[in-house]
C-alpha cells in the first residue's frame, strides 16, 4: 500500500466548481484533468489511483496536490472577495500550466515565405524523384538551397499547417 499524500481542504463552492470543470465541454482538457485530480485527492484516493483514472503519471497528481495546497489561502480570499467569477478565475489560474520557456523562432518571415514557395513547386523541378513533398524532403531541400542553415521536419510541418486554408477554395461558376 502506497504512502498517503497531503490532505486537502476544499470548500463546498470550490468542490462544486471543480466538478463543473470536469464535465464541461468548453473547459480546456488540461484544466478538467487537474480538477478531477484535486477532487480525487479530496476524496482520499491515492495518487496512483487518481493517475490511472485521469490518465497521467502519479507524480503529476502529487505536484498538483501540492500546488493546490500552496494556493489555498488565495482561493479562500477569492471566494470571500464577493466579486462574481473571481473564484472561478482563481481556480483556473491555480490549475493552469506555467508559461513555458523557449526561444523566439529564428526563421524570419521572408524565409518562411520561401519555404512555402518551395513547397508549392513540383518536387521534380528540384530533381527529387517524388510526386509530392514530404516534410523531410522539403526540409532537406530548403537547407540545400541555403534558405535556412538548418530546420527540423516538424518545424517545416508547422509552417505548412499554419498556412493551410480552413476551407478549400470553391470554384467560380460563370
N, C-alpha and C. Protein backbone atom coordinates (compact mmCIF):
# COMPACT_ATOMS: atom_id res chain seq x y z
N UNK A 1 0.84 -1.17 0.00
CA UNK A 1 0.00 0.00 0.00
C UNK A 1 0.89 1.23 0.00
N UNK A 2 0.58 2.20 -0.85
CA UNK A 2 1.39 3.40 -1.01
C UNK A 2 1.25 4.38 0.14
N UNK A 3 2.15 5.31 0.15
CA UNK A 3 2.15 6.35 1.17
C UNK A 3 1.03 7.34 0.90
N UNK A 4 0.39 7.81 1.93
CA UNK A 4 -0.68 8.80 1.79
C UNK A 4 -0.08 10.17 1.56
N UNK A 5 -0.64 10.92 0.61
CA UNK A 5 -0.18 12.28 0.32
C UNK A 5 -0.82 13.28 1.25
N UNK A 6 -0.47 14.52 1.05
CA UNK A 6 -1.01 15.62 1.84
C UNK A 6 -2.51 15.70 1.68
N UNK A 7 -3.22 15.83 2.80
CA UNK A 7 -4.67 16.00 2.76
C UNK A 7 -4.99 17.39 2.24
N UNK A 8 -6.09 17.50 1.54
CA UNK A 8 -6.54 18.80 1.05
C UNK A 8 -7.85 19.18 1.68
N UNK A 9 -7.99 20.47 1.89
CA UNK A 9 -9.25 21.03 2.36
C UNK A 9 -9.83 21.80 1.18
N UNK A 10 -11.09 21.55 0.90
CA UNK A 10 -11.77 22.22 -0.21
C UNK A 10 -13.14 22.67 0.30
N UNK A 11 -13.50 23.90 -0.02
CA UNK A 11 -14.82 24.38 0.38
C UNK A 11 -15.87 23.77 -0.53
N UNK A 12 -17.12 23.84 -0.11
CA UNK A 12 -18.20 23.30 -0.94
C UNK A 12 -18.28 24.01 -2.28
N UNK A 13 -18.10 25.32 -2.28
CA UNK A 13 -18.17 26.08 -3.53
C UNK A 13 -17.02 25.69 -4.47
N UNK A 14 -15.82 25.50 -3.92
CA UNK A 14 -14.69 25.07 -4.73
C UNK A 14 -14.95 23.69 -5.32
N UNK A 15 -15.48 22.80 -4.49
CA UNK A 15 -15.79 21.45 -4.93
C UNK A 15 -16.81 21.48 -6.07
N UNK A 16 -17.81 22.33 -5.94
CA UNK A 16 -18.84 22.47 -6.97
C UNK A 16 -18.22 22.96 -8.28
N UNK A 17 -17.35 23.95 -8.19
CA UNK A 17 -16.72 24.49 -9.41
C UNK A 17 -15.79 23.46 -10.05
N UNK A 18 -15.05 22.71 -9.24
CA UNK A 18 -14.18 21.67 -9.78
C UNK A 18 -14.99 20.61 -10.50
N UNK A 19 -16.12 20.22 -9.93
CA UNK A 19 -17.00 19.23 -10.58
C UNK A 19 -17.53 19.77 -11.91
N UNK A 20 -17.92 21.05 -11.91
CA UNK A 20 -18.40 21.66 -13.15
C UNK A 20 -17.32 21.61 -14.23
N UNK A 21 -16.09 21.87 -13.82
CA UNK A 21 -14.98 21.87 -14.79
C UNK A 21 -14.76 20.48 -15.37
N UNK A 22 -14.93 19.44 -14.57
CA UNK A 22 -14.66 18.08 -15.06
C UNK A 22 -15.68 17.61 -16.09
N UNK A 23 -16.87 18.18 -16.08
CA UNK A 23 -17.90 17.75 -17.03
C UNK A 23 -18.17 18.78 -18.12
N UNK A 24 -17.53 19.93 -18.04
CA UNK A 24 -17.76 20.99 -19.01
C UNK A 24 -17.23 20.61 -20.38
N UNK A 25 -17.95 20.99 -21.41
CA UNK A 25 -17.49 20.74 -22.77
C UNK A 25 -16.62 21.87 -23.28
N UNK A 26 -16.61 23.00 -22.58
CA UNK A 26 -15.82 24.15 -23.04
C UNK A 26 -14.56 24.37 -22.20
N UNK A 27 -14.43 23.66 -21.12
CA UNK A 27 -13.25 23.79 -20.26
C UNK A 27 -12.08 23.08 -20.93
N UNK A 28 -10.91 23.73 -21.03
CA UNK A 28 -9.75 23.04 -21.60
C UNK A 28 -9.48 21.72 -20.88
N UNK A 29 -9.11 20.69 -21.63
CA UNK A 29 -8.96 19.36 -21.06
C UNK A 29 -7.90 19.28 -19.97
N UNK A 30 -6.84 20.07 -20.10
CA UNK A 30 -5.82 20.08 -19.05
C UNK A 30 -6.39 20.54 -17.73
N UNK A 31 -7.22 21.59 -17.76
CA UNK A 31 -7.84 22.08 -16.53
C UNK A 31 -8.83 21.07 -15.98
N UNK A 32 -9.62 20.46 -16.86
CA UNK A 32 -10.59 19.46 -16.41
C UNK A 32 -9.88 18.26 -15.77
N UNK A 33 -8.76 17.85 -16.34
CA UNK A 33 -8.00 16.73 -15.80
C UNK A 33 -7.47 17.08 -14.40
N UNK A 34 -6.93 18.28 -14.25
CA UNK A 34 -6.39 18.70 -12.96
C UNK A 34 -7.50 18.87 -11.93
N UNK A 35 -8.66 19.35 -12.36
CA UNK A 35 -9.80 19.47 -11.45
C UNK A 35 -10.19 18.09 -10.94
N UNK A 36 -10.18 17.09 -11.83
CA UNK A 36 -10.50 15.72 -11.42
C UNK A 36 -9.45 15.19 -10.45
N UNK A 37 -8.19 15.56 -10.66
CA UNK A 37 -7.13 15.15 -9.73
C UNK A 37 -7.41 15.71 -8.33
N UNK A 38 -7.72 16.99 -8.25
CA UNK A 38 -7.94 17.63 -6.95
C UNK A 38 -9.15 17.02 -6.26
N UNK A 39 -10.20 16.74 -7.02
CA UNK A 39 -11.38 16.09 -6.42
C UNK A 39 -11.02 14.70 -5.90
N UNK A 40 -10.23 13.97 -6.65
CA UNK A 40 -9.80 12.64 -6.21
C UNK A 40 -8.97 12.70 -4.94
N UNK A 41 -8.09 13.69 -4.86
CA UNK A 41 -7.28 13.87 -3.66
C UNK A 41 -8.18 14.18 -2.47
N UNK A 42 -9.14 15.08 -2.68
CA UNK A 42 -10.07 15.47 -1.61
C UNK A 42 -10.87 14.25 -1.11
N UNK A 43 -11.21 13.36 -2.03
CA UNK A 43 -11.99 12.17 -1.67
C UNK A 43 -11.13 11.12 -0.97
N UNK A 44 -9.82 11.35 -0.91
CA UNK A 44 -8.94 10.45 -0.18
C UNK A 44 -8.27 9.37 -1.00
N UNK A 45 -8.39 9.46 -2.32
CA UNK A 45 -7.76 8.46 -3.18
C UNK A 45 -6.25 8.67 -3.21
N UNK A 46 -5.53 7.60 -3.48
CA UNK A 46 -4.07 7.69 -3.59
C UNK A 46 -3.69 8.21 -4.98
N UNK A 47 -2.50 8.79 -5.05
CA UNK A 47 -2.04 9.39 -6.31
C UNK A 47 -2.07 8.39 -7.47
N UNK A 48 -1.64 7.16 -7.23
CA UNK A 48 -1.62 6.15 -8.29
C UNK A 48 -3.02 5.84 -8.82
N UNK A 49 -3.99 5.78 -7.92
CA UNK A 49 -5.38 5.50 -8.31
C UNK A 49 -5.92 6.66 -9.14
N UNK A 50 -5.66 7.88 -8.66
CA UNK A 50 -6.14 9.07 -9.38
C UNK A 50 -5.48 9.14 -10.75
N UNK A 51 -4.17 8.90 -10.80
CA UNK A 51 -3.43 8.96 -12.06
C UNK A 51 -4.01 7.97 -13.07
N UNK A 52 -4.32 6.78 -12.64
CA UNK A 52 -4.91 5.79 -13.53
C UNK A 52 -6.27 6.22 -14.04
N UNK A 53 -7.03 6.87 -13.19
CA UNK A 53 -8.38 7.31 -13.57
C UNK A 53 -8.34 8.47 -14.57
N UNK A 54 -7.42 9.43 -14.37
CA UNK A 54 -7.40 10.61 -15.24
C UNK A 54 -6.40 10.50 -16.38
N UNK A 55 -5.55 9.47 -16.36
CA UNK A 55 -4.63 9.26 -17.46
C UNK A 55 -3.37 10.10 -17.41
N UNK A 56 -2.69 10.06 -16.27
CA UNK A 56 -1.42 10.79 -16.15
C UNK A 56 -0.49 10.01 -15.22
N UNK A 57 0.67 10.54 -14.95
CA UNK A 57 1.62 9.92 -14.03
C UNK A 57 1.25 10.29 -12.60
N UNK A 58 1.54 9.40 -11.66
CA UNK A 58 1.18 9.69 -10.26
C UNK A 58 1.95 10.87 -9.71
N UNK A 59 3.15 11.11 -10.25
CA UNK A 59 3.94 12.27 -9.80
C UNK A 59 3.22 13.58 -10.14
N UNK A 60 2.49 13.59 -11.25
CA UNK A 60 1.74 14.79 -11.64
C UNK A 60 0.64 15.06 -10.63
N UNK A 61 0.00 14.01 -10.14
CA UNK A 61 -1.05 14.19 -9.13
C UNK A 61 -0.45 14.82 -7.88
N UNK A 62 0.69 14.32 -7.45
CA UNK A 62 1.35 14.89 -6.27
C UNK A 62 1.74 16.34 -6.47
N UNK A 63 2.20 16.67 -7.66
CA UNK A 63 2.59 18.05 -7.95
C UNK A 63 1.39 18.99 -7.87
N UNK A 64 0.25 18.57 -8.46
CA UNK A 64 -0.95 19.43 -8.42
C UNK A 64 -1.57 19.46 -7.03
N UNK A 65 -1.42 18.38 -6.28
CA UNK A 65 -1.88 18.35 -4.89
C UNK A 65 -1.14 19.43 -4.08
N UNK A 66 0.19 19.47 -4.22
CA UNK A 66 0.99 20.47 -3.51
C UNK A 66 0.70 21.88 -4.00
N UNK A 67 0.49 22.00 -5.29
CA UNK A 67 0.20 23.31 -5.88
C UNK A 67 -1.11 23.87 -5.32
N UNK A 68 -2.14 23.01 -5.24
CA UNK A 68 -3.43 23.43 -4.70
C UNK A 68 -3.29 23.84 -3.24
N UNK A 69 -2.58 23.02 -2.48
CA UNK A 69 -2.41 23.31 -1.06
C UNK A 69 -1.71 24.66 -0.85
N UNK A 70 -0.70 24.94 -1.66
CA UNK A 70 0.03 26.21 -1.54
C UNK A 70 -0.85 27.40 -1.90
N UNK A 71 -1.83 27.21 -2.76
CA UNK A 71 -2.69 28.31 -3.21
C UNK A 71 -3.99 28.42 -2.42
N UNK A 72 -4.19 27.56 -1.44
CA UNK A 72 -5.49 27.50 -0.76
C UNK A 72 -5.89 28.85 -0.15
N UNK A 73 -4.96 29.55 0.49
CA UNK A 73 -5.29 30.85 1.10
C UNK A 73 -5.79 31.84 0.05
N UNK A 74 -5.15 31.87 -1.11
CA UNK A 74 -5.58 32.77 -2.18
C UNK A 74 -6.97 32.38 -2.69
N UNK A 75 -7.23 31.08 -2.74
CA UNK A 75 -8.55 30.60 -3.17
C UNK A 75 -9.63 31.05 -2.20
N UNK A 76 -9.33 30.96 -0.91
CA UNK A 76 -10.29 31.39 0.11
C UNK A 76 -10.54 32.89 -0.02
N UNK A 77 -9.48 33.67 -0.22
CA UNK A 77 -9.63 35.12 -0.38
C UNK A 77 -10.49 35.44 -1.60
N UNK A 78 -10.28 34.72 -2.69
CA UNK A 78 -11.08 34.94 -3.89
C UNK A 78 -12.53 34.58 -3.66
N UNK A 79 -12.74 33.50 -2.91
CA UNK A 79 -14.11 33.06 -2.63
C UNK A 79 -14.84 34.06 -1.74
N UNK A 80 -14.13 34.62 -0.79
CA UNK A 80 -14.73 35.57 0.15
C UNK A 80 -14.76 36.99 -0.41
N UNK A 81 -14.05 37.22 -1.52
CA UNK A 81 -13.99 38.56 -2.11
C UNK A 81 -15.32 39.05 -2.60
N UNK A 82 -16.19 38.15 -2.98
CA UNK A 82 -17.54 38.54 -3.35
C UNK A 82 -17.75 38.95 -4.79
N UNK A 83 -16.70 39.19 -5.56
CA UNK A 83 -16.90 39.58 -6.95
C UNK A 83 -17.26 38.36 -7.78
N UNK A 84 -18.26 38.49 -8.64
CA UNK A 84 -18.69 37.35 -9.45
C UNK A 84 -17.55 36.85 -10.35
N UNK A 85 -17.38 35.56 -10.38
CA UNK A 85 -16.39 34.94 -11.25
C UNK A 85 -14.97 34.95 -10.71
N UNK A 86 -14.71 35.62 -9.59
CA UNK A 86 -13.36 35.72 -9.07
C UNK A 86 -12.82 34.35 -8.65
N UNK A 87 -13.65 33.56 -7.96
CA UNK A 87 -13.20 32.23 -7.54
C UNK A 87 -12.90 31.35 -8.75
N UNK A 88 -13.76 31.38 -9.74
CA UNK A 88 -13.55 30.56 -10.94
C UNK A 88 -12.23 30.93 -11.63
N UNK A 89 -11.98 32.24 -11.76
CA UNK A 89 -10.73 32.69 -12.38
C UNK A 89 -9.52 32.23 -11.56
N UNK A 90 -9.63 32.29 -10.24
CA UNK A 90 -8.52 31.90 -9.38
C UNK A 90 -8.27 30.39 -9.50
N UNK A 91 -9.33 29.60 -9.54
CA UNK A 91 -9.17 28.14 -9.70
C UNK A 91 -8.49 27.85 -11.03
N UNK A 92 -8.93 28.52 -12.09
CA UNK A 92 -8.32 28.31 -13.41
C UNK A 92 -6.85 28.72 -13.39
N UNK A 93 -6.53 29.79 -12.68
CA UNK A 93 -5.14 30.24 -12.58
C UNK A 93 -4.31 29.20 -11.84
N UNK A 94 -4.84 28.69 -10.74
CA UNK A 94 -4.11 27.70 -9.93
C UNK A 94 -3.87 26.41 -10.73
N UNK A 95 -4.84 26.02 -11.54
CA UNK A 95 -4.73 24.76 -12.28
C UNK A 95 -4.12 24.92 -13.68
N UNK A 96 -3.71 26.13 -14.03
CA UNK A 96 -3.12 26.36 -15.35
C UNK A 96 -1.63 26.06 -15.36
N UNK A 97 -1.15 25.71 -16.54
CA UNK A 97 0.28 25.50 -16.73
C UNK A 97 1.02 26.81 -16.57
N UNK A 98 2.23 26.74 -16.10
CA UNK A 98 3.10 27.91 -16.06
C UNK A 98 3.53 28.21 -17.49
N UNK A 99 3.84 29.46 -17.79
CA UNK A 99 4.33 29.76 -19.14
C UNK A 99 5.60 28.96 -19.41
N UNK A 100 5.70 28.48 -20.61
CA UNK A 100 6.85 27.65 -20.96
C UNK A 100 7.99 28.51 -21.49
N UNK A 101 9.17 28.13 -21.09
CA UNK A 101 10.36 28.83 -21.58
C UNK A 101 10.62 28.41 -23.01
N UNK A 102 11.33 29.21 -23.69
CA UNK A 102 11.68 28.86 -25.06
C UNK A 102 12.22 30.08 -25.76
N UNK A 103 12.84 29.84 -26.85
CA UNK A 103 13.39 30.97 -27.57
C UNK A 103 12.50 31.32 -28.75
N UNK A 104 12.65 32.54 -29.19
CA UNK A 104 11.91 33.03 -30.33
C UNK A 104 12.38 32.29 -31.58
N UNK A 105 11.48 32.10 -32.49
CA UNK A 105 11.81 31.44 -33.75
C UNK A 105 12.88 32.25 -34.47
N UNK A 106 13.91 31.59 -34.91
CA UNK A 106 14.99 32.28 -35.59
C UNK A 106 14.82 32.31 -37.10
N UNK A 107 13.72 31.82 -37.57
CA UNK A 107 13.45 31.83 -39.01
C UNK A 107 12.57 33.04 -39.30
N UNK A 108 13.06 33.90 -40.14
CA UNK A 108 12.38 35.16 -40.45
C UNK A 108 11.19 34.93 -41.37
N UNK A 109 10.23 35.87 -41.37
CA UNK A 109 9.04 35.72 -42.23
C UNK A 109 9.36 35.54 -43.71
N UNK A 110 10.41 36.21 -44.20
CA UNK A 110 10.74 36.04 -45.62
C UNK A 110 11.26 34.63 -45.90
N UNK A 111 11.95 34.04 -44.93
CA UNK A 111 12.41 32.66 -45.09
C UNK A 111 11.22 31.70 -45.08
N UNK A 112 10.23 31.97 -44.22
CA UNK A 112 9.02 31.14 -44.19
C UNK A 112 8.32 31.21 -45.54
N UNK A 113 8.25 32.41 -46.10
CA UNK A 113 7.61 32.57 -47.42
C UNK A 113 8.35 31.76 -48.48
N UNK A 114 9.69 31.76 -48.42
CA UNK A 114 10.46 30.98 -49.39
C UNK A 114 10.25 29.48 -49.20
N UNK A 115 10.14 29.04 -47.94
CA UNK A 115 9.87 27.62 -47.67
C UNK A 115 8.54 27.22 -48.27
N UNK A 116 7.54 28.07 -48.08
CA UNK A 116 6.21 27.79 -48.63
C UNK A 116 6.25 27.80 -50.15
N UNK A 117 7.02 28.71 -50.72
CA UNK A 117 7.14 28.76 -52.18
C UNK A 117 7.76 27.47 -52.71
N UNK A 118 8.78 26.95 -52.02
CA UNK A 118 9.39 25.69 -52.45
C UNK A 118 8.35 24.57 -52.35
N UNK A 119 7.54 24.60 -51.29
CA UNK A 119 6.52 23.56 -51.11
C UNK A 119 5.47 23.60 -52.22
N UNK A 120 5.30 24.77 -52.85
CA UNK A 120 4.32 24.89 -53.93
C UNK A 120 4.88 24.43 -55.28
N UNK A 121 6.19 24.28 -55.36
CA UNK A 121 6.81 23.81 -56.60
C UNK A 121 6.70 22.30 -56.70
N UNK A 122 6.66 21.76 -57.91
CA UNK A 122 6.70 20.30 -58.02
C UNK A 122 8.09 19.79 -57.61
N UNK A 123 8.17 18.72 -56.84
CA UNK A 123 9.47 18.20 -56.41
C UNK A 123 10.40 17.85 -57.57
N UNK A 124 9.84 17.48 -58.71
CA UNK A 124 10.66 17.11 -59.88
C UNK A 124 11.51 18.30 -60.34
N UNK A 125 11.04 19.52 -60.15
CA UNK A 125 11.79 20.72 -60.54
C UNK A 125 13.11 20.81 -59.77
N UNK A 126 13.14 20.22 -58.57
CA UNK A 126 14.35 20.21 -57.75
C UNK A 126 15.14 18.92 -57.92
N UNK A 127 14.73 18.10 -58.89
CA UNK A 127 15.43 16.85 -59.13
C UNK A 127 15.09 15.77 -58.12
N UNK A 128 13.95 15.89 -57.49
CA UNK A 128 13.52 14.89 -56.50
C UNK A 128 12.62 13.87 -57.18
N UNK A 129 12.90 12.59 -56.98
CA UNK A 129 12.09 11.55 -57.64
C UNK A 129 10.82 11.21 -56.86
N UNK A 130 10.08 12.23 -56.47
CA UNK A 130 8.83 12.02 -55.72
C UNK A 130 7.73 12.85 -56.37
N UNK A 131 6.49 12.46 -56.13
CA UNK A 131 5.38 13.20 -56.74
C UNK A 131 4.89 14.34 -55.83
N UNK A 132 5.05 14.18 -54.52
CA UNK A 132 4.60 15.19 -53.57
C UNK A 132 5.68 15.39 -52.50
N UNK A 133 5.77 16.61 -52.01
CA UNK A 133 6.76 16.89 -50.97
C UNK A 133 6.40 16.21 -49.66
N UNK A 134 7.38 15.64 -49.01
CA UNK A 134 7.23 15.18 -47.63
C UNK A 134 7.98 16.19 -46.77
N UNK A 135 7.69 16.23 -45.50
CA UNK A 135 8.38 17.18 -44.63
C UNK A 135 9.89 16.96 -44.62
N UNK A 136 10.37 15.71 -44.52
CA UNK A 136 11.83 15.52 -44.56
C UNK A 136 12.47 15.98 -45.87
N UNK A 137 11.81 15.67 -46.99
CA UNK A 137 12.35 16.08 -48.29
C UNK A 137 12.38 17.60 -48.42
N UNK A 138 11.32 18.24 -47.95
CA UNK A 138 11.24 19.70 -48.04
C UNK A 138 12.29 20.35 -47.13
N UNK A 139 12.45 19.82 -45.92
CA UNK A 139 13.47 20.36 -45.01
C UNK A 139 14.85 20.23 -45.64
N UNK A 140 15.12 19.09 -46.23
CA UNK A 140 16.41 18.86 -46.89
C UNK A 140 16.61 19.84 -48.04
N UNK A 141 15.57 20.08 -48.81
CA UNK A 141 15.68 20.96 -49.98
C UNK A 141 15.91 22.42 -49.58
N UNK A 142 15.21 22.92 -48.56
CA UNK A 142 15.40 24.33 -48.19
C UNK A 142 16.78 24.56 -47.56
N UNK A 143 17.32 23.55 -46.90
CA UNK A 143 18.69 23.67 -46.38
C UNK A 143 19.67 23.63 -47.57
N UNK A 144 19.42 22.73 -48.51
CA UNK A 144 20.29 22.59 -49.69
C UNK A 144 20.33 23.90 -50.49
N UNK A 145 19.18 24.58 -50.59
CA UNK A 145 19.11 25.84 -51.33
C UNK A 145 19.68 27.02 -50.53
N UNK A 146 19.99 26.81 -49.27
CA UNK A 146 20.54 27.89 -48.45
C UNK A 146 19.50 28.87 -47.91
N UNK A 147 18.25 28.47 -47.92
CA UNK A 147 17.19 29.34 -47.39
C UNK A 147 17.33 29.47 -45.88
N UNK A 148 17.62 28.34 -45.23
CA UNK A 148 17.90 28.31 -43.78
C UNK A 148 19.11 27.40 -43.56
N UNK A 149 19.88 27.68 -42.49
CA UNK A 149 21.03 26.80 -42.24
C UNK A 149 20.63 25.40 -41.79
N UNK A 150 19.54 25.32 -41.03
CA UNK A 150 19.01 24.02 -40.60
C UNK A 150 17.56 24.21 -40.19
N UNK A 151 16.79 23.12 -40.27
CA UNK A 151 15.38 23.16 -39.88
C UNK A 151 14.92 21.73 -39.66
N UNK A 152 14.09 21.53 -38.64
CA UNK A 152 13.56 20.19 -38.38
C UNK A 152 12.36 19.92 -39.27
N UNK A 153 12.10 18.65 -39.49
CA UNK A 153 10.94 18.30 -40.31
C UNK A 153 9.66 18.75 -39.63
N UNK A 154 9.64 18.71 -38.31
CA UNK A 154 8.45 19.14 -37.56
C UNK A 154 8.20 20.63 -37.75
N UNK A 155 9.28 21.39 -37.77
CA UNK A 155 9.15 22.84 -37.95
C UNK A 155 8.60 23.15 -39.35
N UNK A 156 9.08 22.45 -40.35
CA UNK A 156 8.54 22.61 -41.71
C UNK A 156 7.05 22.32 -41.69
N UNK A 157 6.66 21.24 -41.02
CA UNK A 157 5.25 20.88 -40.93
C UNK A 157 4.41 21.96 -40.26
N UNK A 158 4.96 22.59 -39.23
CA UNK A 158 4.23 23.68 -38.56
C UNK A 158 3.99 24.85 -39.50
N UNK A 159 5.01 25.20 -40.28
CA UNK A 159 4.83 26.31 -41.22
C UNK A 159 3.74 26.00 -42.24
N UNK A 160 3.74 24.78 -42.73
CA UNK A 160 2.75 24.41 -43.74
C UNK A 160 1.35 24.29 -43.13
N UNK A 161 1.26 23.77 -41.94
CA UNK A 161 -0.04 23.63 -41.28
C UNK A 161 -0.65 24.98 -41.00
N UNK A 162 0.16 25.94 -40.56
CA UNK A 162 -0.34 27.27 -40.24
C UNK A 162 -0.89 27.99 -41.47
N UNK A 163 -0.43 27.62 -42.66
CA UNK A 163 -0.82 28.32 -43.88
C UNK A 163 -1.95 27.63 -44.63
N UNK A 164 -2.34 26.44 -44.17
CA UNK A 164 -3.37 25.68 -44.86
C UNK A 164 -4.72 26.39 -44.71
N UNK A 165 -5.45 26.61 -45.80
CA UNK A 165 -6.76 27.28 -45.67
C UNK A 165 -7.72 26.38 -44.89
N UNK A 166 -8.59 27.02 -44.10
CA UNK A 166 -9.52 26.24 -43.28
C UNK A 166 -10.60 25.59 -44.13
N UNK A 167 -10.96 26.22 -45.24
CA UNK A 167 -11.91 25.60 -46.15
C UNK A 167 -11.31 25.63 -47.55
N UNK A 168 -11.50 24.59 -48.32
CA UNK A 168 -10.92 24.57 -49.66
C UNK A 168 -11.55 25.65 -50.53
N UNK A 169 -10.78 26.23 -51.43
CA UNK A 169 -11.34 27.25 -52.31
C UNK A 169 -12.45 26.67 -53.19
N UNK A 170 -13.49 27.44 -53.38
CA UNK A 170 -14.63 26.99 -54.17
C UNK A 170 -14.44 27.46 -55.62
N UNK A 171 -14.78 26.61 -56.59
CA UNK A 171 -14.65 27.02 -57.99
C UNK A 171 -15.66 28.12 -58.32
N UNK A 172 -15.25 29.02 -59.20
CA UNK A 172 -16.13 30.11 -59.62
C UNK A 172 -16.91 29.63 -60.84
N UNK A 173 -18.22 29.67 -60.75
CA UNK A 173 -19.06 29.25 -61.87
C UNK A 173 -19.51 30.47 -62.62
N UNK A 174 -19.41 30.41 -63.92
CA UNK A 174 -19.79 31.57 -64.75
C UNK A 174 -21.24 31.50 -65.16
